[in-house]
Full PDB file with SEQRES, HELIX, SHEET, SSBOND, CRYST1, ORIGX, SCALE, CONECT and MASTER records, all heavy atoms in Angstrom:
SEQRES   1 A   40  VAL VAL ALA LYS LEU SER GLU GLN SER GLN ARG TYR PRO          
SEQRES   2 A   40  GLY VAL ARG VAL GLU GLN ILE ALA VAL ARG GLU TYR PRO          
SEQRES   3 A   40  PHE GLY SER VAL GLY ALA HIS VAL LEU GLY TYR THR GLY          
SEQRES   4 A   40  GLU                                                          
HELIX    1 AA1 VAL A    2  GLU A    7  1                                   6    
HELIX    2 AA2 SER A    9  ARG A   11  5                                   3    
HELIX    3 AA3 ALA A   32  LEU A   35  1                                   4    
CRYST1    1.000    1.000    1.000  90.00  90.00  90.00 P 1           1          
ORIGX1      1.000000  0.000000  0.000000        0.00000                         
ORIGX2      0.000000  1.000000  0.000000        0.00000                         
ORIGX3      0.000000  0.000000  1.000000        0.00000                         
SCALE1      1.000000  0.000000  0.000000        0.00000                         
SCALE2      0.000000  1.000000  0.000000        0.00000                         
SCALE3      0.000000  0.000000  1.000000        0.00000                         
ATOM      1  N   VAL A   1       0.839  -1.198   0.000  1.00  0.00           N  
ATOM      2  CA  VAL A   1       0.000   0.000   0.000  1.00  0.00           C  
ATOM      3  C   VAL A   1       0.875   1.250   0.000  1.00  0.00           C  
ATOM      4  O   VAL A   1       0.611   2.218  -0.725  1.00  0.00           O  
ATOM      5  CB  VAL A   1      -0.956  -0.002   1.209  1.00  0.00           C  
ATOM      6  CG1 VAL A   1      -1.710   1.328   1.311  1.00  0.00           C  
ATOM      7  CG2 VAL A   1      -1.941  -1.159   1.106  1.00  0.00           C  
ATOM      8  N   VAL A   2       1.939   1.221   0.814  1.00  0.00           N  
ATOM      9  CA  VAL A   2       2.868   2.353   0.855  1.00  0.00           C  
ATOM     10  C   VAL A   2       3.466   2.591  -0.531  1.00  0.00           C  
ATOM     11  O   VAL A   2       3.588   3.740  -0.995  1.00  0.00           O  
ATOM     12  CB  VAL A   2       3.982   2.088   1.895  1.00  0.00           C  
ATOM     13  CG1 VAL A   2       5.096   3.122   1.749  1.00  0.00           C  
ATOM     14  CG2 VAL A   2       3.410   2.130   3.304  1.00  0.00           C  
ATOM     15  N   ALA A   3       3.839   1.500  -1.211  1.00  0.00           N  
ATOM     16  CA  ALA A   3       4.433   1.618  -2.549  1.00  0.00           C  
ATOM     17  C   ALA A   3       3.457   2.266  -3.525  1.00  0.00           C  
ATOM     18  O   ALA A   3       3.827   3.153  -4.315  1.00  0.00           O  
ATOM     19  CB  ALA A   3       4.861   0.243  -3.053  1.00  0.00           C  
ATOM     20  N   LYS A   4       2.205   1.845  -3.486  1.00  0.00           N  
ATOM     21  CA  LYS A   4       1.206   2.405  -4.396  1.00  0.00           C  
ATOM     22  C   LYS A   4       0.950   3.881  -4.100  1.00  0.00           C  
ATOM     23  O   LYS A   4       0.770   4.686  -5.017  1.00  0.00           O  
ATOM     24  CB  LYS A   4      -0.095   1.621  -4.285  1.00  0.00           C  
ATOM     25  CG  LYS A   4      -0.001   0.212  -4.853  1.00  0.00           C  
ATOM     26  CD  LYS A   4      -1.293  -0.558  -4.633  1.00  0.00           C  
ATOM     27  CE  LYS A   4      -1.159  -1.994  -5.148  1.00  0.00           C  
ATOM     28  NZ  LYS A   4      -2.385  -2.794  -4.870  1.00  0.00           N  
ATOM     29  N   LEU A   5       0.951   4.239  -2.811  1.00  0.00           N  
ATOM     30  CA  LEU A   5       0.754   5.639  -2.453  1.00  0.00           C  
ATOM     31  C   LEU A   5       1.901   6.503  -2.982  1.00  0.00           C  
ATOM     32  O   LEU A   5       1.691   7.643  -3.400  1.00  0.00           O  
ATOM     33  CB  LEU A   5       0.647   5.785  -0.933  1.00  0.00           C  
ATOM     34  CG  LEU A   5      -0.616   5.224  -0.276  1.00  0.00           C  
ATOM     35  CD1 LEU A   5      -0.511   5.286   1.243  1.00  0.00           C  
ATOM     36  CD2 LEU A   5      -1.857   5.972  -0.734  1.00  0.00           C  
ATOM     37  N   SER A   6       3.105   5.963  -2.942  1.00  0.00           N  
ATOM     38  CA  SER A   6       4.273   6.703  -3.433  1.00  0.00           C  
ATOM     39  C   SER A   6       4.253   6.828  -4.953  1.00  0.00           C  
ATOM     40  O   SER A   6       4.571   7.884  -5.508  1.00  0.00           O  
ATOM     41  CB  SER A   6       5.558   6.012  -2.983  1.00  0.00           C  
ATOM     42  OG  SER A   6       5.624   5.939  -1.571  1.00  0.00           O  
ATOM     43  N   GLU A   7       3.863   5.747  -5.615  1.00  0.00           N  
ATOM     44  CA  GLU A   7       3.856   5.731  -7.081  1.00  0.00           C  
ATOM     45  C   GLU A   7       2.791   6.663  -7.653  1.00  0.00           C  
ATOM     46  O   GLU A   7       2.958   7.251  -8.718  1.00  0.00           O  
ATOM     47  CB  GLU A   7       3.612   4.312  -7.598  1.00  0.00           C  
ATOM     48  CG  GLU A   7       4.765   3.362  -7.316  1.00  0.00           C  
ATOM     49  CD  GLU A   7       4.377   1.910  -7.574  1.00  0.00           C  
ATOM     50  OE1 GLU A   7       3.217   1.682  -8.014  1.00  0.00           O  
ATOM     51  OE2 GLU A   7       5.194   1.016  -7.328  1.00  0.00           O  
ATOM     52  N   GLN A   8       1.673   6.790  -6.953  1.00  0.00           N  
ATOM     53  CA  GLN A   8       0.544   7.563  -7.470  1.00  0.00           C  
ATOM     54  C   GLN A   8       0.239   8.746  -6.551  1.00  0.00           C  
ATOM     55  O   GLN A   8      -0.902   8.989  -6.183  1.00  0.00           O  
ATOM     56  CB  GLN A   8      -0.684   6.656  -7.598  1.00  0.00           C  
ATOM     57  CG  GLN A   8      -0.439   5.398  -8.411  1.00  0.00           C  
ATOM     58  CD  GLN A   8      -1.608   4.439  -8.328  1.00  0.00           C  
ATOM     59  OE1 GLN A   8      -2.761   4.840  -8.211  1.00  0.00           O  
ATOM     60  NE2 GLN A   8      -1.311   3.153  -8.391  1.00  0.00           N  
ATOM     61  N   SER A   9       1.294   9.471  -6.158  1.00  0.00           N  
ATOM     62  CA  SER A   9       1.141  10.534  -5.163  1.00  0.00           C  
ATOM     63  C   SER A   9       0.156  11.626  -5.600  1.00  0.00           C  
ATOM     64  O   SER A   9      -0.471  12.266  -4.757  1.00  0.00           O  
ATOM     65  CB  SER A   9       2.505  11.153  -4.861  1.00  0.00           C  
ATOM     66  OG  SER A   9       3.098  11.641  -6.055  1.00  0.00           O  
ATOM     67  N   GLN A  10      -0.003  11.854  -6.921  1.00  0.00           N  
ATOM     68  CA  GLN A  10      -0.908  12.903  -7.380  1.00  0.00           C  
ATOM     69  C   GLN A  10      -2.362  12.613  -7.038  1.00  0.00           C  
ATOM     70  O   GLN A  10      -3.174  13.518  -6.898  1.00  0.00           O  
ATOM     71  CB  GLN A  10      -0.761  13.081  -8.900  1.00  0.00           C  
ATOM     72  CG  GLN A  10       0.596  13.622  -9.336  1.00  0.00           C  
ATOM     73  CD  GLN A  10       0.927  14.958  -8.683  1.00  0.00           C  
ATOM     74  OE1 GLN A  10       0.075  15.850  -8.649  1.00  0.00           O  
ATOM     75  NE2 GLN A  10       2.136  15.094  -8.167  1.00  0.00           N  
ATOM     76  N   ARG A  11      -2.667  11.331  -6.911  1.00  0.00           N  
ATOM     77  CA  ARG A  11      -4.062  10.950  -6.591  1.00  0.00           C  
ATOM     78  C   ARG A  11      -4.373  11.142  -5.113  1.00  0.00           C  
ATOM     79  O   ARG A  11      -5.543  11.147  -4.725  1.00  0.00           O  
ATOM     80  CB  ARG A  11      -4.309   9.475  -6.940  1.00  0.00           C  
ATOM     81  CG  ARG A  11      -4.364   9.172  -8.415  1.00  0.00           C  
ATOM     82  CD  ARG A  11      -4.903   7.760  -8.613  1.00  0.00           C  
ATOM     83  NE  ARG A  11      -6.273   7.640  -8.113  1.00  0.00           N  
ATOM     84  CZ  ARG A  11      -6.814   6.501  -7.688  1.00  0.00           C  
ATOM     85  NH1 ARG A  11      -6.093   5.390  -7.667  1.00  0.00           N  
ATOM     86  NH2 ARG A  11      -8.061   6.469  -7.274  1.00  0.00           N  
ATOM     87  N   TYR A  12      -3.323  11.276  -4.289  1.00  0.00           N  
ATOM     88  CA  TYR A  12      -3.525  11.299  -2.845  1.00  0.00           C  
ATOM     89  C   TYR A  12      -2.930  12.586  -2.275  1.00  0.00           C  
ATOM     90  O   TYR A  12      -1.765  12.610  -1.852  1.00  0.00           O  
ATOM     91  CB  TYR A  12      -2.885  10.070  -2.208  1.00  0.00           C  
ATOM     92  CG  TYR A  12      -3.293   8.775  -2.872  1.00  0.00           C  
ATOM     93  CD1 TYR A  12      -2.394   8.072  -3.676  1.00  0.00           C  
ATOM     94  CD2 TYR A  12      -4.580   8.285  -2.726  1.00  0.00           C  
ATOM     95  CE1 TYR A  12      -2.768   6.899  -4.302  1.00  0.00           C  
ATOM     96  CE2 TYR A  12      -4.961   7.107  -3.345  1.00  0.00           C  
ATOM     97  CZ  TYR A  12      -4.056   6.421  -4.136  1.00  0.00           C  
ATOM     98  OH  TYR A  12      -4.437   5.260  -4.762  1.00  0.00           O  
ATOM     99  N   PRO A  13      -3.698  13.655  -2.248  1.00  0.00           N  
ATOM    100  CA  PRO A  13      -3.183  14.954  -1.794  1.00  0.00           C  
ATOM    101  C   PRO A  13      -2.731  14.924  -0.340  1.00  0.00           C  
ATOM    102  O   PRO A  13      -3.428  14.407   0.539  1.00  0.00           O  
ATOM    103  CB  PRO A  13      -4.376  15.890  -1.978  1.00  0.00           C  
ATOM    104  CG  PRO A  13      -5.577  14.999  -1.984  1.00  0.00           C  
ATOM    105  CD  PRO A  13      -5.116  13.722  -2.616  1.00  0.00           C  
ATOM    106  N   GLY A  14      -1.529  15.485  -0.115  1.00  0.00           N  
ATOM    107  CA  GLY A  14      -1.035  15.673   1.244  1.00  0.00           C  
ATOM    108  C   GLY A  14      -0.586  14.420   1.959  1.00  0.00           C  
ATOM    109  O   GLY A  14      -0.294  14.466   3.161  1.00  0.00           O  
ATOM    110  N   VAL A  15      -0.499  13.278   1.264  1.00  0.00           N  
ATOM    111  CA  VAL A  15      -0.153  12.027   1.936  1.00  0.00           C  
ATOM    112  C   VAL A  15       1.326  12.009   2.308  1.00  0.00           C  
ATOM    113  O   VAL A  15       2.195  12.354   1.494  1.00  0.00           O  
ATOM    114  CB  VAL A  15      -0.495  10.809   1.061  1.00  0.00           C  
ATOM    115  CG1 VAL A  15       0.176   9.551   1.591  1.00  0.00           C  
ATOM    116  CG2 VAL A  15      -1.995  10.606   1.027  1.00  0.00           C  
ATOM    117  N   ARG A  16       1.599  11.627   3.547  1.00  0.00           N  
ATOM    118  CA  ARG A  16       2.962  11.423   4.012  1.00  0.00           C  
ATOM    119  C   ARG A  16       3.036  10.053   4.660  1.00  0.00           C  
ATOM    120  O   ARG A  16       2.144   9.678   5.430  1.00  0.00           O  
ATOM    121  CB  ARG A  16       3.359  12.485   5.045  1.00  0.00           C  
ATOM    122  CG  ARG A  16       3.486  13.878   4.483  1.00  0.00           C  
ATOM    123  CD  ARG A  16       3.742  14.908   5.571  1.00  0.00           C  
ATOM    124  NE  ARG A  16       4.861  14.538   6.445  1.00  0.00           N  
ATOM    125  CZ  ARG A  16       5.336  15.338   7.400  1.00  0.00           C  
ATOM    126  NH1 ARG A  16       4.787  16.524   7.595  1.00  0.00           N  
ATOM    127  NH2 ARG A  16       6.343  14.974   8.149  1.00  0.00           N  
ATOM    128  N   VAL A  17       4.085   9.313   4.348  1.00  0.00           N  
ATOM    129  CA  VAL A  17       4.329   8.031   5.007  1.00  0.00           C  
ATOM    130  C   VAL A  17       5.424   8.251   6.037  1.00  0.00           C  
ATOM    131  O   VAL A  17       6.519   8.709   5.698  1.00  0.00           O  
ATOM    132  CB  VAL A  17       4.736   6.943   3.999  1.00  0.00           C  
ATOM    133  CG1 VAL A  17       5.061   5.651   4.730  1.00  0.00           C  
ATOM    134  CG2 VAL A  17       3.623   6.713   2.998  1.00  0.00           C  
ATOM    135  N   GLU A  18       5.109   7.982   7.300  1.00  0.00           N  
ATOM    136  CA  GLU A  18       6.056   8.218   8.380  1.00  0.00           C  
ATOM    137  C   GLU A  18       6.334   6.935   9.140  1.00  0.00           C  
ATOM    138  O   GLU A  18       5.484   6.040   9.199  1.00  0.00           O  
ATOM    139  CB  GLU A  18       5.505   9.267   9.353  1.00  0.00           C  
ATOM    140  CG  GLU A  18       5.223  10.613   8.727  1.00  0.00           C  
ATOM    141  CD  GLU A  18       4.736  11.616   9.752  1.00  0.00           C  
ATOM    142  OE1 GLU A  18       4.237  11.176  10.809  1.00  0.00           O  
ATOM    143  OE2 GLU A  18       4.861  12.821   9.509  1.00  0.00           O  
ATOM    144  N   GLN A  19       7.515   6.867   9.721  1.00  0.00           N  
ATOM    145  CA  GLN A  19       7.818   5.763  10.623  1.00  0.00           C  
ATOM    146  C   GLN A  19       7.593   6.255  12.045  1.00  0.00           C  
ATOM    147  O   GLN A  19       8.197   7.230  12.484  1.00  0.00           O  
ATOM    148  CB  GLN A  19       9.267   5.286  10.453  1.00  0.00           C  
ATOM    149  CG  GLN A  19       9.588   4.079  11.350  1.00  0.00           C  
ATOM    150  CD  GLN A  19      10.927   3.457  11.009  1.00  0.00           C  
ATOM    151  OE1 GLN A  19      11.092   2.849   9.963  1.00  0.00           O  
ATOM    152  NE2 GLN A  19      11.891   3.593  11.904  1.00  0.00           N  
ATOM    153  N   ILE A  20       6.696   5.605  12.751  1.00  0.00           N  
ATOM    154  CA  ILE A  20       6.393   5.996  14.122  1.00  0.00           C  
ATOM    155  C   ILE A  20       6.570   4.784  15.039  1.00  0.00           C  
ATOM    156  O   ILE A  20       6.695   3.654  14.573  1.00  0.00           O  
ATOM    157  CB  ILE A  20       4.954   6.541  14.250  1.00  0.00           C  
ATOM    158  CG1 ILE A  20       3.934   5.437  13.920  1.00  0.00           C  
ATOM    159  CG2 ILE A  20       4.744   7.763  13.381  1.00  0.00           C  
ATOM    160  CD1 ILE A  20       2.507   5.828  14.216  1.00  0.00           C  
ATOM    161  N   ALA A  21       6.583   5.050  16.338  1.00  0.00           N  
ATOM    162  CA  ALA A  21       6.682   3.975  17.322  1.00  0.00           C  
ATOM    163  C   ALA A  21       5.307   3.710  17.920  1.00  0.00           C  
ATOM    164  O   ALA A  21       4.606   4.651  18.299  1.00  0.00           O  
ATOM    165  CB  ALA A  21       7.667   4.350  18.423  1.00  0.00           C  
ATOM    166  N   VAL A  22       4.917   2.457  17.981  1.00  0.00           N  
ATOM    167  CA  VAL A  22       3.657   2.070  18.606  1.00  0.00           C  
ATOM    168  C   VAL A  22       3.923   0.966  19.619  1.00  0.00           C  
ATOM    169  O   VAL A  22       4.979   0.322  19.602  1.00  0.00           O  
ATOM    170  CB  VAL A  22       2.609   1.593  17.568  1.00  0.00           C  
ATOM    171  CG1 VAL A  22       2.241   2.700  16.617  1.00  0.00           C  
ATOM    172  CG2 VAL A  22       3.121   0.376  16.808  1.00  0.00           C  
ATOM    173  N   ARG A  23       2.977   0.739  20.495  1.00  0.00           N  
ATOM    174  CA  ARG A  23       3.119  -0.308  21.508  1.00  0.00           C  
ATOM    175  C   ARG A  23       3.075  -1.690  20.865  1.00  0.00           C  
ATOM    176  O   ARG A  23       2.307  -1.934  19.928  1.00  0.00           O  
ATOM    177  CB  ARG A  23       2.006  -0.206  22.546  1.00  0.00           C  
ATOM    178  CG  ARG A  23       2.100   0.988  23.466  1.00  0.00           C  
ATOM    179  CD  ARG A  23       3.443   1.156  24.083  1.00  0.00           C  
ATOM    180  NE  ARG A  23       3.437   1.213  25.534  1.00  0.00           N  
ATOM    181  CZ  ARG A  23       4.530   1.333  26.269  1.00  0.00           C  
ATOM    182  NH1 ARG A  23       5.714   1.382  25.684  1.00  0.00           N  
ATOM    183  NH2 ARG A  23       4.458   1.374  27.579  1.00  0.00           N  
ATOM    184  N   GLU A  24       3.889  -2.590  21.396  1.00  0.00           N  
ATOM    185  CA  GLU A  24       3.894  -3.975  20.950  1.00  0.00           C  
ATOM    186  C   GLU A  24       3.758  -4.879  22.155  1.00  0.00           C  
ATOM    187  O   GLU A  24       4.323  -4.600  23.220  1.00  0.00           O  
ATOM    188  CB  GLU A  24       5.181  -4.298  20.195  1.00  0.00           C  
ATOM    189  CG  GLU A  24       5.203  -5.725  19.646  1.00  0.00           C  
ATOM    190  CD  GLU A  24       6.429  -5.998  18.805  1.00  0.00           C  
ATOM    191  OE1 GLU A  24       7.539  -5.599  19.215  1.00  0.00           O  
ATOM    192  OE2 GLU A  24       6.279  -6.602  17.734  1.00  0.00           O  
ATOM    193  N   TYR A  25       3.016  -5.954  21.990  1.00  0.00           N  
ATOM    194  CA  TYR A  25       2.713  -6.868  23.091  1.00  0.00           C  
ATOM    195  C   TYR A  25       3.240  -8.262  22.730  1.00  0.00           C  
ATOM    196  O   TYR A  25       2.540  -9.040  22.079  1.00  0.00           O  
ATOM    197  CB  TYR A  25       1.205  -6.895  23.347  1.00  0.00           C  
ATOM    198  CG  TYR A  25       0.640  -5.501  23.558  1.00  0.00           C  
ATOM    199  CD1 TYR A  25       0.138  -4.761  22.490  1.00  0.00           C  
ATOM    200  CD2 TYR A  25       0.657  -4.925  24.809  1.00  0.00           C  
ATOM    201  CE1 TYR A  25      -0.341  -3.477  22.676  1.00  0.00           C  
ATOM    202  CE2 TYR A  25       0.172  -3.638  25.010  1.00  0.00           C  
ATOM    203  CZ  TYR A  25      -0.319  -2.923  23.937  1.00  0.00           C  
ATOM    204  OH  TYR A  25      -0.799  -1.641  24.138  1.00  0.00           O  
ATOM    205  N   PRO A  26       4.470  -8.585  23.147  1.00  0.00           N  
ATOM    206  CA  PRO A  26       5.084  -9.869  22.770  1.00  0.00           C  
ATOM    207  C   PRO A  26       4.262 -11.083  23.183  1.00  0.00           C  
ATOM    208  O   PRO A  26       4.339 -12.126  22.531  1.00  0.00           O  
ATOM    209  CB  PRO A  26       6.433  -9.835  23.502  1.00  0.00           C  
ATOM    210  CG  PRO A  26       6.736  -8.380  23.666  1.00  0.00           C  
ATOM    211  CD  PRO A  26       5.411  -7.734  23.887  1.00  0.00           C  
ATOM    212  N   PHE A  27       3.475 -10.965  24.257  1.00  0.00           N  
ATOM    213  CA  PHE A  27       2.654 -12.084  24.711  1.00  0.00           C  
ATOM    214  C   PHE A  27       1.182 -11.904  24.330  1.00  0.00           C  
ATOM    215  O   PHE A  27       0.307 -12.545  24.922  1.00  0.00           O  
ATOM    216  CB  PHE A  27       2.798 -12.259  26.228  1.00  0.00           C  
ATOM    217  CG  PHE A  27       4.159 -12.740  26.654  1.00  0.00           C  
ATOM    218  CD1 PHE A  27       5.148 -11.827  26.970  1.00  0.00           C  
ATOM    219  CD2 PHE A  27       4.454 -14.091  26.702  1.00  0.00           C  
ATOM    220  CE1 PHE A  27       6.418 -12.254  27.347  1.00  0.00           C  
ATOM    221  CE2 PHE A  27       5.712 -14.530  27.081  1.00  0.00           C  
ATOM    222  CZ  PHE A  27       6.704 -13.607  27.401  1.00  0.00           C  
ATOM    223  N   GLY A  28       0.939 -11.052  23.349  1.00  0.00           N  
ATOM    224  CA  GLY A  28      -0.430 -10.862  22.879  1.00  0.00           C  
ATOM    225  C   GLY A  28      -1.311 -10.259  23.951  1.00  0.00           C  
ATOM    226  O   GLY A  28      -0.966  -9.265  24.587  1.00  0.00           O  
ATOM    227  N   SER A  29      -2.443 -10.888  24.194  1.00  0.00           N  
ATOM    228  CA  SER A  29      -3.414 -10.353  25.152  1.00  0.00           C  
ATOM    229  C   SER A  29      -3.147 -10.797  26.589  1.00  0.00           C  
ATOM    230  O   SER A  29      -3.887 -10.416  27.496  1.00  0.00           O  
ATOM    231  CB  SER A  29      -4.828 -10.784  24.750  1.00  0.00           C  
ATOM    232  OG  SER A  29      -4.945 -12.193  24.793  1.00  0.00           O  
ATOM    233  N   VAL A  30      -2.090 -11.578  26.820  1.00  0.00           N  
ATOM    234  CA  VAL A  30      -1.788 -12.046  28.182  1.00  0.00           C  
ATOM    235  C   VAL A  30      -1.522 -10.838  29.087  1.00  0.00           C  
ATOM    236  O   VAL A  30      -0.705  -9.978  28.774  1.00  0.00           O  
ATOM    237  CB  VAL A  30      -0.566 -12.995  28.189  1.00  0.00           C  
ATOM    238  CG1 VAL A  30      -0.173 -13.355  29.622  1.00  0.00           C  
ATOM    239  CG2 VAL A  30      -0.877 -14.258  27.391  1.00  0.00           C  
ATOM    240  N   GLY A  31      -2.232 -10.788  30.198  1.00  0.00           N  
ATOM    241  CA  GLY A  31      -2.050  -9.700  31.152  1.00  0.00           C  
ATOM    242  C   GLY A  31      -2.689  -8.390  30.757  1.00  0.00           C  
ATOM    243  O   GLY A  31      -2.356  -7.336  31.317  1.00  0.00           O  
ATOM    244  N   ALA A  32      -3.636  -8.428  29.820  1.00  0.00           N  
ATOM    245  CA  ALA A  32      -4.207  -7.185  29.293  1.00  0.00           C  
ATOM    246  C   ALA A  32      -4.775  -6.284  30.384  1.00  0.00           C  
ATOM    247  O   ALA A  32      -4.594  -5.063  30.355  1.00  0.00           O  
ATOM    248  CB  ALA A  32      -5.290  -7.513  28.259  1.00  0.00           C  
ATOM    249  N   HIS A  33      -5.466  -6.862  31.354  1.00  0.00           N  
ATOM    250  CA  HIS A  33      -6.110  -6.038  32.379  1.00  0.00           C  
ATOM    251  C   HIS A  33      -5.098  -5.414  33.335  1.00  0.00           C  
ATOM    252  O   HIS A  33      -5.359  -4.343  33.899  1.00  0.00           O  
ATOM    253  CB  HIS A  33      -7.130  -6.859  33.156  1.00  0.00           C  
ATOM    254  CG  HIS A  33      -8.319  -7.237  32.340  1.00  0.00           C  
ATOM    255  ND1 HIS A  33      -8.429  -8.442  31.692  1.00  0.00           N  
ATOM    256  CD2 HIS A  33      -9.450  -6.548  32.032  1.00  0.00           C  
ATOM    257  CE1 HIS A  33      -9.569  -8.490  31.042  1.00  0.00           C  
ATOM    258  NE2 HIS A  33     -10.209  -7.355  31.226  1.00  0.00           N  
ATOM    259  N   VAL A  34      -3.979  -6.058  33.547  1.00  0.00           N  
ATOM    260  CA  VAL A  34      -2.932  -5.466  34.369  1.00  0.00           C  
ATOM    261  C   VAL A  34      -2.215  -4.375  33.581  1.00  0.00           C  
ATOM    262  O   VAL A  34      -1.998  -3.273  34.074  1.00  0.00           O  
ATOM    263  CB  VAL A  34      -1.912  -6.532  34.823  1.00  0.00           C  
ATOM    264  CG1 VAL A  34      -0.835  -5.887  35.699  1.00  0.00           C  
ATOM    265  CG2 VAL A  34      -2.595  -7.647  35.582  1.00  0.00           C  
ATOM    266  N   LEU A  35      -1.860  -4.683  32.344  1.00  0.00           N  
ATOM    267  CA  LEU A  35      -1.070  -3.767  31.534  1.00  0.00           C  
ATOM    268  C   LEU A  35      -1.875  -2.550  31.102  1.00  0.00           C  
ATOM    269  O   LEU A  35      -1.368  -1.427  31.088  1.00  0.00           O  
ATOM    270  CB  LEU A  35      -0.537  -4.494  30.298  1.00  0.00           C  
ATOM    271  CG  LEU A  35       0.335  -5.720  30.581  1.00  0.00           C  
ATOM    272  CD1 LEU A  35       0.665  -6.441  29.291  1.00  0.00           C  
ATOM    273  CD2 LEU A  35       1.597  -5.324  31.319  1.00  0.00           C  
ATOM    274  N   GLY A  36      -3.124  -2.743  30.710  1.00  0.00           N  
ATOM    275  CA  GLY A  36      -3.941  -1.652  30.205  1.00  0.00           C  
ATOM    276  C   GLY A  36      -3.642  -1.362  28.750  1.00  0.00           C  
ATOM    277  O   GLY A  36      -3.006  -2.153  28.048  1.00  0.00           O  
ATOM    278  N   TYR A  37      -4.082  -0.207  28.282  1.00  0.00           N  
ATOM    279  CA  TYR A  37      -3.884   0.165  26.880  1.00  0.00           C  
ATOM    280  C   TYR A  37      -3.670   1.673  26.793  1.00  0.00           C  
ATOM    281  O   TYR A  37      -3.843   2.402  27.777  1.00  0.00           O  
ATOM    282  CB  TYR A  37      -5.079  -0.261  26.022  1.00  0.00           C  
ATOM    283  CG  TYR A  37      -6.400   0.346  26.445  1.00  0.00           C  
ATOM    284  CD1 TYR A  37      -6.855   1.540  25.894  1.00  0.00           C  
ATOM    285  CD2 TYR A  37      -7.212  -0.274  27.397  1.00  0.00           C  
ATOM    286  CE1 TYR A  37      -8.063   2.097  26.274  1.00  0.00           C  
ATOM    287  CE2 TYR A  37      -8.422   0.276  27.787  1.00  0.00           C  
ATOM    288  CZ  TYR A  37      -8.842   1.463  27.222  1.00  0.00           C  
ATOM    289  OH  TYR A  37     -10.036   2.021  27.606  1.00  0.00           O  
ATOM    290  N   THR A  38      -3.278   2.136  25.620  1.00  0.00           N  
ATOM    291  CA  THR A  38      -3.036   3.561  25.409  1.00  0.00           C  
ATOM    292  C   THR A  38      -4.013   4.116  24.383  1.00  0.00           C  
ATOM    293  O   THR A  38      -4.597   3.374  23.594  1.00  0.00           O  
ATOM    294  CB  THR A  38      -1.597   3.810  24.919  1.00  0.00           C  
ATOM    295  OG1 THR A  38      -1.384   3.074  23.705  1.00  0.00           O  
ATOM    296  CG2 THR A  38      -0.576   3.386  25.959  1.00  0.00           C  
ATOM    297  N   GLY A  39      -4.164   5.410  24.376  1.00  0.00           N  
ATOM    298  CA  GLY A  39      -5.047   6.071  23.415  1.00  0.00           C  
ATOM    299  C   GLY A  39      -4.812   7.569  23.453  1.00  0.00           C  
ATOM    300  O   GLY A  39      -4.063   8.081  24.292  1.00  0.00           O  
ATOM    301  N   GLU A  40      -5.461   8.265  22.550  1.00  0.00           N  
ATOM    302  CA  GLU A  40      -5.286   9.713  22.469  1.00  0.00           C  
ATOM    303  C   GLU A  40      -5.912  10.389  23.683  1.00  0.00           C  
ATOM    304  O   GLU A  40      -7.010  10.034  24.122  1.00  0.00           O  
ATOM    305  CB  GLU A  40      -5.941  10.218  21.185  1.00  0.00           C  
ATOM    306  CG  GLU A  40      -5.576  11.635  20.823  1.00  0.00           C  
ATOM    307  CD  GLU A  40      -6.101  12.038  19.452  1.00  0.00           C  
ATOM    308  OE1 GLU A  40      -5.659  11.433  18.462  1.00  0.00           O  
ATOM    309  OE2 GLU A  40      -6.960  12.938  19.393  1.00  0.00           O  
TER     310      GLU A  40                                                      
MASTER        0    0    0    3    0    0    0    6  309    1    0    4          
END                                                                             
């Protein structure tokens, strides 16, 4: 999808592809209620 957005940038005004950091859960949902979650 990133490749297509780059190739056809004129069709997608203002699009920027950025590398950001997000939370990762190595054990999946294990401990979800203790760990909690993040949001805006």
